[in-house]
C-alpha atoms as a PDB file:
ATOM      1  CA  UNK A   1      -0.122  -0.073  -0.576  1.00  0.00           C
ATOM      2  CA  UNK A   2       0.739   3.674  -1.097  1.00  0.00           C
ATOM      3  CA  UNK A   3       0.443   6.619   1.643  1.00  0.00           C
ATOM      4  CA  UNK A   4       1.235  10.313   0.874  1.00  0.00           C
ATOM      5  CA  UNK A   5       0.669  12.565   3.546  1.00  0.00           C
ATOM      6  CA  UNK A   6       0.105  15.810   3.206  1.00  0.00           C
ATOM      7  CA  UNK A   7      -0.079  18.910   4.713  1.00  0.00           C
ATOM      8  CA  UNK A   8      -2.848  18.429   7.254  1.00  0.00           C
ATOM      9  CA  UNK A   9      -0.497  15.221   8.046  1.00  0.00           C
ATOM     10  CA  UNK A  10       2.047  17.568   9.520  1.00  0.00           C
ATOM     11  CA  UNK A  11       3.583  16.210  13.077  1.00  0.00           C
ATOM     12  CA  UNK A  12       1.654  13.519  13.404  1.00  0.00           C
ATOM     13  CA  UNK A  13       3.105  10.243  14.426  1.00  0.00           C
ATOM     14  CA  UNK A  14       3.523   7.839  12.147  1.00  0.00           C
ATOM     15  CA  UNK A  15       1.768   4.653  13.382  1.00  0.00           C
ATOM     16  CA  UNK A  16      -1.393   7.277  14.231  1.00  0.00           C
ATOM     17  CA  UNK A  17      -1.648   8.390  10.383  1.00  0.00           C
ATOM     18  CA  UNK A  18      -1.551   4.581   9.008  1.00  0.00           C
ATOM     19  CA  UNK A  19      -4.185   4.166  11.607  1.00  0.00           C
ATOM     20  CA  UNK A  20      -6.066   6.674   9.985  1.00  0.00           C
ATOM     21  CA  UNK A  21      -5.682   5.513   6.654  1.00  0.00           C
ATOM     22  CA  UNK A  22      -6.126   2.326   7.242  1.00  0.00           C
ATOM     23  CA  UNK A  23      -8.644   2.218  10.090  1.00  0.00           C
ATOM     24  CA  UNK A  24      -9.076  -1.550  10.034  1.00  0.00           C
ATOM     25  CA  UNK A  25      -6.499  -2.157  11.790  1.00  0.00           C
ATOM     26  CA  UNK A  26      -5.254  -1.516  15.379  1.00  0.00           C
ATOM     27  CA  UNK A  27      -2.556   0.893  16.316  1.00  0.00           C
ATOM     28  CA  UNK A  28      -0.318  -2.435  17.814  1.00  0.00           C
ATOM     29  CA  UNK A  29      -0.649  -4.976  14.962  1.00  0.00           C
ATOM     30  CA  UNK A  30       0.657  -1.302  12.490  1.00  0.00           C
ATOM     31  CA  UNK A  31       3.606  -0.789  15.212  1.00  0.00           C
ATOM     32  CA  UNK A  32       4.676  -4.520  14.704  1.00  0.00           C
ATOM     33  CA  UNK A  33       4.673  -3.994  10.749  1.00  0.00           C
ATOM     34  CA  UNK A  34       6.657  -0.761  11.614  1.00  0.00           C
ATOM     35  CA  UNK A  35       8.956  -3.099  14.379  1.00  0.00           C
ATOM     36  CA  UNK A  36       9.445  -6.150  11.680  1.00  0.00           C
ATOM     37  CA  UNK A  37      10.301  -3.245   8.879  1.00  0.00           C
ATOM     38  CA  UNK A  38       6.767  -3.247   6.836  1.00  0.00           C
ATOM     39  CA  UNK A  39       7.039   0.273   7.016  1.00  0.00           C
ATOM     40  CA  UNK A  40       9.133   2.672   5.075  1.00  0.00           C
ATOM     41  CA  UNK A  41       9.205   6.750   5.042  1.00  0.00           C
ATOM     42  CA  UNK A  42       9.965   7.705   1.901  1.00  0.00           C
ATOM     43  CA  UNK A  43      12.199   4.096   1.298  1.00  0.00           C
ATOM     44  CA  UNK A  44      13.618   3.985   4.973  1.00  0.00           C
ATOM     45  CA  UNK A  45      12.761   1.881   8.060  1.00  0.00           C
ATOM     46  CA  UNK A  46      11.164   4.346  10.751  1.00  0.00           C
ATOM     47  CA  UNK A  47       9.716   4.242  13.968  1.00  0.00           C
ATOM     48  CA  UNK A  48       5.924   4.657  14.823  1.00  0.00           C
ATOM     49  CA  UNK A  49       6.897   8.455  17.515  1.00  0.00           C
ATOM     50  CA  UNK A  50       8.573   9.495  14.183  1.00  0.00           C
ATOM     51  CA  UNK A  51       7.162  12.668  13.511  1.00  0.00           C
ATOM     52  CA  UNK A  52       5.378  13.506   9.593  1.00  0.00           C
ATOM     53  CA  UNK A  53       6.370  16.626   7.651  1.00  0.00           C
ATOM     54  CA  UNK A  54       3.364  16.338   5.188  1.00  0.00           C
ATOM     55  CA  UNK A  55       5.122  15.512   2.009  1.00  0.00           C
ATOM     56  CA  UNK A  56       6.809  11.782   2.428  1.00  0.00           C
ATOM     57  CA  UNK A  57       5.508   8.939   0.835  1.00  0.00           C
ATOM     58  CA  UNK A  58       4.607   5.748   3.010  1.00  0.00           C
ATOM     59  CA  UNK A  59       4.432   1.957   1.965  1.00  0.00           C
ATOM     60  CA  UNK A  60       3.108   0.291   4.272  1.00  0.00           C
ATOM     61  CA  UNK A  61       3.577  -3.863   3.206  1.00  0.00           C
ATOM     62  CA  UNK A  62       0.694  -5.756   5.817  1.00  0.00           C
ATOM     63  CA  UNK A  63       1.285  -9.037   7.357  1.00  0.00           C
ATOM     64  CA  UNK A  64      -0.881 -11.172   9.071  1.00  0.00           C
ATOM     65  CA  UNK A  65      -2.149 -10.878  12.736  1.00  0.00           C
ATOM     66  CA  UNK A  66       0.226 -13.484  14.986  1.00  0.00           C
ATOM     67  CA  UNK A  67      -1.580 -16.241  16.061  1.00  0.00           C
ATOM     68  CA  UNK A  68      -4.037 -14.842  19.315  1.00  0.00           C
ATOM     69  CA  UNK A  69      -2.596 -17.733  21.827  1.00  0.00           C
ATOM     70  CA  UNK A  70       0.498 -18.876  23.367  1.00  0.00           C
ATOM     71  CA  UNK A  71       2.838 -21.084  21.209  1.00  0.00           C
ATOM     72  CA  UNK A  72       5.205 -23.383  23.296  1.00  0.00           C
ATOM     73  CA  UNK A  73       8.802 -23.261  23.288  1.00  0.00           C
ATOM     74  CA  UNK A  74      11.502 -24.243  25.191  1.00  0.00           C
ATOM     75  CA  UNK A  75      13.684 -22.322  26.981  1.00  0.00           C
ATOM     76  CA  UNK A  76      15.282 -22.524  30.222  1.00  0.00           C
ATOM     77  CA  UNK A  77      12.502 -21.805  33.612  1.00  0.00           C
ATOM     78  CA  UNK A  78      12.955 -21.005  37.112  1.00  0.00           C
ATOM     79  CA  UNK A  79      10.639 -23.061  39.505  1.00  0.00           C
ATOM     80  CA  UNK A  80      10.308 -21.264  42.772  1.00  0.00           C
ATOM     81  CA  UNK A  81       7.885 -23.514  44.105  1.00  0.00           C
ATOM     82  CA  UNK A  82       4.664 -25.873  42.761  1.00  0.00           C
ATOM     83  CA  UNK A  83       1.646 -27.496  44.027  1.00  0.00           C
ATOM     84  CA  UNK A  84      -1.540 -28.421  42.958  1.00  0.00           C
ATOM     85  CA  UNK A  85      -2.512 -24.564  42.230  1.00  0.00           C
ATOM     86  CA  UNK A  86       0.029 -22.403  41.957  1.00  0.00           C
ATOM     87  CA  UNK A  87       3.498 -22.101  40.330  1.00  0.00           C
ATOM     88  CA  UNK A  88       5.768 -19.135  41.418  1.00  0.00           C
ATOM     89  CA  UNK A  89       8.773 -19.133  38.642  1.00  0.00           C
ATOM     90  CA  UNK A  90      11.694 -15.957  38.561  1.00  0.00           C
ATOM     91  CA  UNK A  91      11.028 -14.461  35.861  1.00  0.00           C
ATOM     92  CA  UNK A  92      14.444 -12.577  34.879  1.00  0.00           C
ATOM     93  CA  UNK A  93      14.380  -8.588  33.762  1.00  0.00           C
ATOM     94  CA  UNK A  94      14.308  -9.022  29.536  1.00  0.00           C
ATOM     95  CA  UNK A  95      12.125 -10.834  29.428  1.00  0.00           C
ATOM     96  CA  UNK A  96       8.296 -10.453  28.525  1.00  0.00           C
ATOM     97  CA  UNK A  97       5.570 -11.654  30.722  1.00  0.00           C
ATOM     98  CA  UNK A  98       3.169 -12.690  27.558  1.00  0.00           C
ATOM     99  CA  UNK A  99       2.829 -11.743  23.934  1.00  0.00           C
ATOM    100  CA  UNK A 100       2.150  -8.238  22.688  1.00  0.00           C
ATOM    101  CA  UNK A 101       3.134  -5.388  20.319  1.00  0.00           C
ATOM    102  CA  UNK A 102       6.103  -6.287  18.897  1.00  0.00           C
ATOM    103  CA  UNK A 103       7.005  -9.311  21.275  1.00  0.00           C
ATOM    104  CA  UNK A 104       5.151 -13.029  20.113  1.00  0.00           C
ATOM    105  CA  UNK A 105       8.449 -15.427  21.052  1.00  0.00           C
ATOM    106  CA  UNK A 106      10.371 -16.181  23.811  1.00  0.00           C
ATOM    107  CA  UNK A 107       7.883 -14.913  26.500  1.00  0.00           C
ATOM    108  CA  UNK A 108       7.745 -16.451  29.919  1.00  0.00           C
ATOM    109  CA  UNK A 109       3.822 -17.655  29.370  1.00  0.00           C
ATOM    110  CA  UNK A 110       5.502 -19.516  25.589  1.00  0.00           C
ATOM    111  CA  UNK A 111       7.899 -20.940  28.328  1.00  0.00           C
ATOM    112  CA  UNK A 112       5.134 -21.986  31.165  1.00  0.00           C
ATOM    113  CA  UNK A 113       2.731 -23.504  28.239  1.00  0.00           C
ATOM    114  CA  UNK A 114       5.777 -26.085  26.890  1.00  0.00           C
ATOM    115  CA  UNK A 115       6.008 -27.006  30.518  1.00  0.00           C
ATOM    116  CA  UNK A 116       3.453 -27.324  31.567  1.00  0.00           C
ATOM    117  CA  UNK A 117       0.749 -27.919  29.022  1.00  0.00           C
ATOM    118  CA  UNK A 118      -2.632 -26.885  30.759  1.00  0.00           C
ATOM    119  CA  UNK A 119      -3.019 -23.792  32.524  1.00  0.00           C
ATOM    120  CA  UNK A 120      -5.927 -21.426  33.548  1.00  0.00           C
ATOM    121  CA  UNK A 121      -7.568 -20.548  30.959  1.00  0.00           C
ATOM    122  CA  UNK A 122      -9.591 -17.370  32.688  1.00  0.00           C
ATOM    123  CA  UNK A 123      -6.299 -15.457  30.851  1.00  0.00           C
ATOM    124  CA  UNK A 124      -7.639 -16.459  27.390  1.00  0.00           C
ATOM    125  CA  UNK A 125      -4.991 -18.675  24.651  1.00  0.00           C
ATOM    126  CA  UNK A 126      -2.675 -15.254  25.183  1.00  0.00           C
ATOM    127  CA  UNK A 127      -1.502 -15.207  29.043  1.00  0.00           C
ATOM    128  CA  UNK A 128      -2.728 -18.804  30.300  1.00  0.00           C
ATOM    129  CA  UNK A 129      -1.996 -18.850  33.828  1.00  0.00           C
ATOM    130  CA  UNK A 130      -1.629 -15.115  34.804  1.00  0.00           C
ATOM    131  CA  UNK A 131      -2.820 -14.013  37.288  1.00  0.00           C
ATOM    132  CA  UNK A 132      -0.389 -10.837  37.737  1.00  0.00           C
ATOM    133  CA  UNK A 133       2.512  -9.597  36.041  1.00  0.00           C
ATOM    134  CA  UNK A 134       5.821  -7.919  36.208  1.00  0.00           C
ATOM    135  CA  UNK A 135       7.310  -5.436  33.831  1.00  0.00           C
ATOM    136  CA  UNK A 136       9.892  -6.851  31.585  1.00  0.00           C
ATOM    137  CA  UNK A 137      12.470  -5.717  33.062  1.00  0.00           C
ATOM    138  CA  UNK A 138      11.753  -6.122  36.107  1.00  0.00           C
ATOM    139  CA  UNK A 139      12.798  -9.717  37.524  1.00  0.00           C
ATOM    140  CA  UNK A 140      11.553 -11.940  40.396  1.00  0.00           C
ATOM    141  CA  UNK A 141       8.981 -14.095  42.229  1.00  0.00           C
ATOM    142  CA  UNK A 142       5.977 -14.379  39.260  1.00  0.00           C
ATOM    143  CA  UNK A 143       2.910 -16.674  40.506  1.00  0.00           C
ATOM    144  CA  UNK A 144       0.869 -19.103  37.619  1.00  0.00           C
ATOM    145  CA  UNK A 145      -2.365 -20.385  37.789  1.00  0.00           C
ATOM    146  CA  UNK A 146      -2.640 -24.131  36.854  1.00  0.00           C
ATOM    147  CA  UNK A 147      -6.621 -24.132  36.824  1.00  0.00           C
ATOM    148  CA  UNK A 148      -9.602 -21.883  36.205  1.00  0.00           C
ATOM    149  CA  UNK A 149     -10.323 -22.349  40.410  1.00  0.00           C
ATOM    150  CA  UNK A 150      -6.885 -21.949  41.208  1.00  0.00           C
ATOM    151  CA  UNK A 151      -7.340 -18.654  39.283  1.00  0.00           C
ATOM    152  CA  UNK A 152     -10.343 -17.303  40.739  1.00  0.00           C
ATOM    153  CA  UNK A 153      -9.146 -17.601  44.256  1.00  0.00           C
ATOM    154  CA  UNK A 154      -5.841 -16.147  44.012  1.00  0.00           C
ATOM    155  CA  UNK A 155      -7.438 -13.087  41.707  1.00  0.00           C
ATOM    156  CA  UNK A 156     -10.368 -12.591  45.309  1.00  0.00           C
ATOM    157  CA  UNK A 157      -6.467 -12.206  46.822  1.00  0.00           C
ATOM    158  CA  UNK A 158      -4.877 -10.411  45.120  1.00  0.00           C
ATOM    159  CA  UNK A 159      -8.035  -8.018  44.411  1.00  0.00           C
ATOM    160  CA  UNK A 160      -8.697  -7.863  48.557  1.00  0.00           C
ATOM    161  CA  UNK A 161      -5.254  -7.260  49.314  1.00  0.00           C
ATOM    162  CA  UNK A 162      -4.223 -10.828  50.817  1.00  0.00           C
ATOM    163  CA  UNK A 163      -1.188 -11.256  48.719  1.00  0.00           C
ATOM    164  CA  UNK A 164       2.207  -9.734  50.366  1.00  0.00           C
ATOM    165  CA  UNK A 165       4.732  -8.317  47.687  1.00  0.00           C
ATOM    166  CA  UNK A 166       7.913  -7.340  48.898  1.00  0.00           C
ATOM    167  CA  UNK A 167      10.633  -5.764  46.184  1.00  0.00           C
ATOM    168  CA  UNK A 168      14.343  -4.317  46.774  1.00  0.00           C
ATOM    169  CA  UNK A 169      15.674  -1.353  44.428  1.00  0.00           C
ATOM    170  CA  UNK A 170      18.379   1.032  44.627  1.00  0.00           C
ATOM    171  CA  UNK A 171      17.716   4.884  44.568  1.00  0.00           C
ATOM    172  CA  UNK A 172      19.161   7.804  43.607  1.00  0.00           C
ATOM    173  CA  UNK A 173      19.339  10.594  47.490  1.00  0.00           C
ATOM    174  CA  UNK A 174      19.284   9.953  50.815  1.00  0.00           C
ATOM    175  CA  UNK A 175      15.378   8.625  51.950  1.00  0.00           C
ATOM    176  CA  UNK A 176      14.753  11.258  55.024  1.00  0.00           C
ATOM    177  CA  UNK A 177      13.977   8.662  57.490  1.00  0.00           C
ATOM    178  CA  UNK A 178      14.449   4.856  57.796  1.00  0.00           C
ATOM    179  CA  UNK A 179      10.612   3.695  56.355  1.00  0.00           C
ATOM    180  CA  UNK A 180       7.505   5.446  55.162  1.00  0.00           C
ATOM    181  CA  UNK A 181       4.734   5.069  52.867  1.00  0.00           C
ATOM    182  CA  UNK A 182       3.574   6.912  49.119  1.00  0.00           C
ATOM    183  CA  UNK A 183       0.328   6.474  48.849  1.00  0.00           C
ATOM    184  CA  UNK A 184      -0.241   9.586  45.801  1.00  0.00           C
ATOM    185  CA  UNK A 185      -2.313   8.376  43.051  1.00  0.00           C
ATOM    186  CA  UNK A 186      -1.388   6.903  39.948  1.00  0.00           C
ATOM    187  CA  UNK A 187      -3.044   7.626  36.355  1.00  0.00           C
ATOM    188  CA  UNK A 188      -1.512   7.935  32.686  1.00  0.00           C
ATOM    189  CA  UNK A 189       0.654  10.825  31.745  1.00  0.00           C
ATOM    190  CA  UNK A 190      -1.521  13.575  29.991  1.00  0.00           C
ATOM    191  CA  UNK A 191       1.923  14.370  27.792  1.00  0.00           C
ATOM    192  CA  UNK A 192       4.625  11.042  27.702  1.00  0.00           C
ATOM    193  CA  UNK A 193       2.378   8.159  27.211  1.00  0.00           C
ATOM    194  CA  UNK A 194       4.770   5.641  27.450  1.00  0.00           C
ATOM    195  CA  UNK A 195       4.577   7.055  31.553  1.00  0.00           C
ATOM    196  CA  UNK A 196       2.554   7.155  34.393  1.00  0.00           C
ATOM    197  CA  UNK A 197       2.604   9.793  37.128  1.00  0.00           C
ATOM    198  CA  UNK A 198       1.788  10.507  40.459  1.00  0.00           C
ATOM    199  CA  UNK A 199       2.362  14.248  40.264  1.00  0.00           C
ATOM    200  CA  UNK A 200      -1.465  15.167  39.000  1.00  0.00           C
ATOM    201  CA  UNK A 201      -3.268  14.576  42.548  1.00  0.00           C
ATOM    202  CA  UNK A 202      -6.109  12.093  39.997  1.00  0.00           C
ATOM    203  CA  UNK A 203      -6.064   9.022  38.695  1.00  0.00           C
ATOM    204  CA  UNK A 204      -6.148   5.171  40.811  1.00  0.00           C
ATOM    205  CA  UNK A 205      -5.407   5.075  44.062  1.00  0.00           C
ATOM    206  CA  UNK A 206      -2.145   3.505  45.333  1.00  0.00           C
ATOM    207  CA  UNK A 207       0.262   2.584  48.106  1.00  0.00           C
ATOM    208  CA  UNK A 208       3.433   2.009  48.467  1.00  0.00           C
ATOM    209  CA  UNK A 209       5.829   0.992  51.379  1.00  0.00           C
ATOM    210  CA  UNK A 210       9.375   1.668  52.117  1.00  0.00           C
ATOM    211  CA  UNK A 211      12.235   0.606  54.251  1.00  0.00           C
ATOM    212  CA  UNK A 212      15.884   1.538  54.330  1.00  0.00           C
ATOM    213  CA  UNK A 213      18.530  -1.842  53.873  1.00  0.00           C
ATOM    214  CA  UNK A 214      21.172  -0.114  52.863  1.00  0.00           C
ATOM    215  CA  UNK A 215      23.004   3.964  53.026  1.00  0.00           C
ATOM    216  CA  UNK A 216      25.437   5.219  50.161  1.00  0.00           C
ATOM    217  CA  UNK A 217      26.763   8.174  49.533  1.00  0.00           C
ATOM    218  CA  UNK A 218      24.452   9.055  46.750  1.00  0.00           C
ATOM    219  CA  UNK A 219      22.099   6.230  47.097  1.00  0.00           C
ATOM    220  CA  UNK A 220      19.520   4.021  49.087  1.00  0.00           C
ATOM    221  CA  UNK A 221      18.983   0.052  49.225  1.00  0.00           C
ATOM    222  CA  UNK A 222      15.645  -0.076  50.068  1.00  0.00           C
ATOM    223  CA  UNK A 223      12.757  -3.560  50.552  1.00  0.00           C
ATOM    224  CA  UNK A 224       9.645  -1.959  49.038  1.00  0.00           C
ATOM    225  CA  UNK A 225       6.162  -3.686  50.263  1.00  0.00           C
ATOM    226  CA  UNK A 226       2.942  -2.754  47.600  1.00  0.00           C
ATOM    227  CA  UNK A 227      -0.467  -2.971  48.874  1.00  0.00           C
ATOM    228  CA  UNK A 228      -1.798  -2.039  45.278  1.00  0.00           C
ATOM    229  CA  UNK A 229      -0.434  -3.482  41.385  1.00  0.00           C
ATOM    230  CA  UNK A 230      -0.394  -0.312  39.838  1.00  0.00           C
ATOM    231  CA  UNK A 231       1.380   0.130  36.413  1.00  0.00           C
ATOM    232  CA  UNK A 232       5.022   1.102  36.976  1.00  0.00           C
ATOM    233  CA  UNK A 233       3.835   1.848  40.916  1.00  0.00           C
ATOM    234  CA  UNK A 234       7.277   1.933  42.464  1.00  0.00           C
ATOM    235  CA  UNK A 235       9.023   2.988  39.704  1.00  0.00           C
ATOM    236  CA  UNK A 236       6.201   6.536  39.642  1.00  0.00           C
ATOM    237  CA  UNK A 237       6.363   6.700  43.044  1.00  0.00           C
ATOM    238  CA  UNK A 238       9.938   6.712  43.600  1.00  0.00           C
ATOM    239  CA  UNK A 239      10.615   9.317  40.872  1.00  0.00           C
ATOM    240  CA  UNK A 240       7.237  11.335  42.963  1.00  0.00           C
ATOM    241  CA  UNK A 241       9.531  12.075  46.187  1.00  0.00           C
ATOM    242  CA  UNK A 242      12.524  12.629  44.052  1.00  0.00           C
ATOM    243  CA  UNK A 243      14.688   9.332  44.338  1.00  0.00           C
ATOM    244  CA  UNK A 244      14.008   7.401  40.715  1.00  0.00           C
ATOM    245  CA  UNK A 245      15.440   4.115  40.598  1.00  0.00           C
ATOM    246  CA  UNK A 246      18.930   3.311  39.740  1.00  0.00           C
ATOM    247  CA  UNK A 247      19.384   2.323  35.829  1.00  0.00           C
ATOM    248  CA  UNK A 248      15.437   3.951  35.265  1.00  0.00           C
ATOM    249  CA  UNK A 249      16.434   7.080  32.974  1.00  0.00           C
ATOM    250  CA  UNK A 250      12.606   6.636  31.813  1.00  0.00           C
ATOM    251  CA  UNK A 251      11.050   8.132  35.463  1.00  0.00           C
ATOM    252  CA  UNK A 252      14.257  10.529  35.686  1.00  0.00           C
ATOM    253  CA  UNK A 253      17.333   8.663  36.889  1.00  0.00           C
ATOM    254  CA  UNK A 254      20.722   9.046  35.176  1.00  0.00           C
ATOM    255  CA  UNK A 255      21.449   7.046  32.257  1.00  0.00           C
ATOM    256  CA  UNK A 256      24.808   6.056  33.547  1.00  0.00           C
ATOM    257  CA  UNK A 257      26.049   6.179  37.091  1.00  0.00           C
ATOM    258  CA  UNK A 258      29.939   7.648  37.194  1.00  0.00           C
ATOM    259  CA  UNK A 259      32.798   5.556  38.603  1.00  0.00           C
ATOM    260  CA  UNK A 260      30.021   2.833  38.103  1.00  0.00           C
ATOM    261  CA  UNK A 261      29.683  -0.652  35.472  1.00  0.00           C
ATOM    262  CA  UNK A 262      27.223  -0.067  33.196  1.00  0.00           C
ATOM    263  CA  UNK A 263      23.659  -1.641  34.494  1.00  0.00           C
ATOM    264  CA  UNK A 264      21.668  -2.860  31.092  1.00  0.00           C
ATOM    265  CA  UNK A 265      18.033  -2.266  33.480  1.00  0.00           C
ATOM    266  CA  UNK A 266      16.990  -0.814  36.454  1.00  0.00           C
ATOM    267  CA  UNK A 267      17.770  -1.964  39.509  1.00  0.00           C
ATOM    268  CA  UNK A 268      14.231  -3.999  40.470  1.00  0.00           C
ATOM    269  CA  UNK A 269      13.760  -6.602  41.604  1.00  0.00           C
ATOM    270  CA  UNK A 270      10.335  -8.736  42.763  1.00  0.00           C
ATOM    271  CA  UNK A 271      12.330 -10.410  45.871  1.00  0.00           C
ATOM    272  CA  UNK A 272       9.105 -11.827  47.727  1.00  0.00           C
ATOM    273  CA  UNK A 273       5.552 -13.115  47.579  1.00  0.00           C
ATOM    274  CA  UNK A 274       3.080 -14.849  50.243  1.00  0.00           C
ATOM    275  CA  UNK A 275       0.096 -16.152  49.461  1.00  0.00           C
ATOM    276  CA  UNK A 276      -2.741 -18.521  50.306  1.00  0.00           C
ATOM    277  CA  UNK A 277      -2.441 -21.872  48.210  1.00  0.00           C
ATOM    278  CA  UNK A 278      -5.839 -22.302  46.571  1.00  0.00           C
ATOM    279  CA  UNK A 279      -5.095 -26.501  46.743  1.00  0.00           C
ATOM    280  CA  UNK A 280      -3.686 -26.075  50.698  1.00  0.00           C
ATOM    281  CA  UNK A 281      -5.623 -23.180  52.445  1.00  0.00           C
ATOM    282  CA  UNK A 282      -2.053 -22.926  53.963  1.00  0.00           C
ATOM    283  CA  UNK A 283       0.319 -19.660  54.052  1.00  0.00           C
ATOM    284  CA  UNK A 284       3.192 -19.864  51.192  1.00  0.00           C
ATOM    285  CA  UNK A 285       5.825 -18.094  51.087  1.00  0.00           C
ATOM    286  CA  UNK A 286       8.557 -18.343  48.095  1.00  0.00           C
ATOM    287  CA  UNK A 287      11.777 -15.847  47.443  1.00  0.00           C
ATOM    288  CA  UNK A 288      13.339 -15.032  44.623  1.00  0.00           C
ATOM    289  CA  UNK A 289      17.169 -14.638  45.707  1.00  0.00           C
ATOM    290  CA  UNK A 290      18.378 -10.914  44.004  1.00  0.00           C
ATOM    291  CA  UNK A 291      20.097 -12.379  40.685  1.00  0.00           C
ATOM    292  CA  UNK A 292      23.630 -12.301  39.363  1.00  0.00           C
ATOM    293  CA  UNK A 293      23.505  -8.733  37.863  1.00  0.00           C
ATOM    294  CA  UNK A 294      22.198  -6.745  40.256  1.00  0.00           C
ATOM    295  CA  UNK A 295      24.205  -8.831  43.049  1.00  0.00           C
ATOM    296  CA  UNK A 296      27.591  -7.945  41.182  1.00  0.00           C
ATOM    297  CA  UNK A 297      26.129  -4.040  40.993  1.00  0.00           C
ATOM    298  CA  UNK A 298      25.903  -3.912  44.455  1.00  0.00           C
ATOM    299  CA  UNK A 299      28.547  -5.630  45.719  1.00  0.00           C
ATOM    300  CA  UNK A 300      31.047  -3.157  43.098  1.00  0.00           C
ATOM    301  CA  UNK A 301      28.416   0.092  45.042  1.00  0.00           C
ATOM    302  CA  UNK A 302      29.157  -0.981  48.477  1.00  0.00           C
ATOM    303  CA  UNK A 303      33.274  -1.336  47.215  1.00  0.00           C
ATOM    304  CA  UNK A 304      33.457   2.901  45.197  1.00  0.00           C
ATOM    305  CA  UNK A 305      30.835   3.856  48.295  1.00  0.00           C
ATOM    306  CA  UNK A 306      31.290   2.076  51.602  1.00  0.00           C
ATOM    307  CA  UNK A 307      27.954   2.469  53.112  1.00  0.00           C
ATOM    308  CA  UNK A 308      26.784   4.862  55.635  1.00  0.00           C
ATOM    309  CA  UNK A 309      24.829   2.122  57.612  1.00  0.00           C
END
């Protein structure tokens, strides 16, 4: 398909321009085409966020949508706990929980389907077993439901705030006090749509509790407990008080820390989760150890900047 941008299209994002011209296709599907090189602007690939000048020729080669179900893949999976109702896995950083725009292979769900076959169907064929999620670059423990009954029971615990979730993170700067909480509501940033914000005083309620584990001259190592599960919650809340997570430039952290090795993701790890197993009714607490990349970065931080406390 050959599309021609004109003066009224000046300043429009590439993906939105194509969606306007090809109304039968979703924006996420168009973004898939852009990522896979099926869209050219004046014969050159561009990002979905590319802003048109109103004079370009846009060539689009549509593709059939990927199958709307998880595809088994024989890839490693770290099982921390399992019983007849639930599986707890240690998700590596960089692995997406389930397929989405531009990501259809290597997901955690694809690994789960290969290793376990049948899982809860409540989330649909694209998200079998998935009761909650972790961001792509957040590592750590995640629960998976084996049956629909287990899924419903776990979902009720999450909505009733009876699941205890604890994270480990390093932030820039010094926290005031040894513990505290952040309760600012969270909503999508009206300007930067890939971000969330807690600075507008509106949105969904959110609770983030923090406790200092170690202090360094320019950083603080924290244990975080969250009472809600909002998108990017920990990162948004800590950024809102001027303490962005190390390695998280989306929310205000510098891209590099002088004197420290590069960290290829933000320092955030889902360390512990506590819940009642739907299989036994007993309380279960599962821990995922801090992964090697974060362990070594923290050790180097302590070597270069000995802890204050």
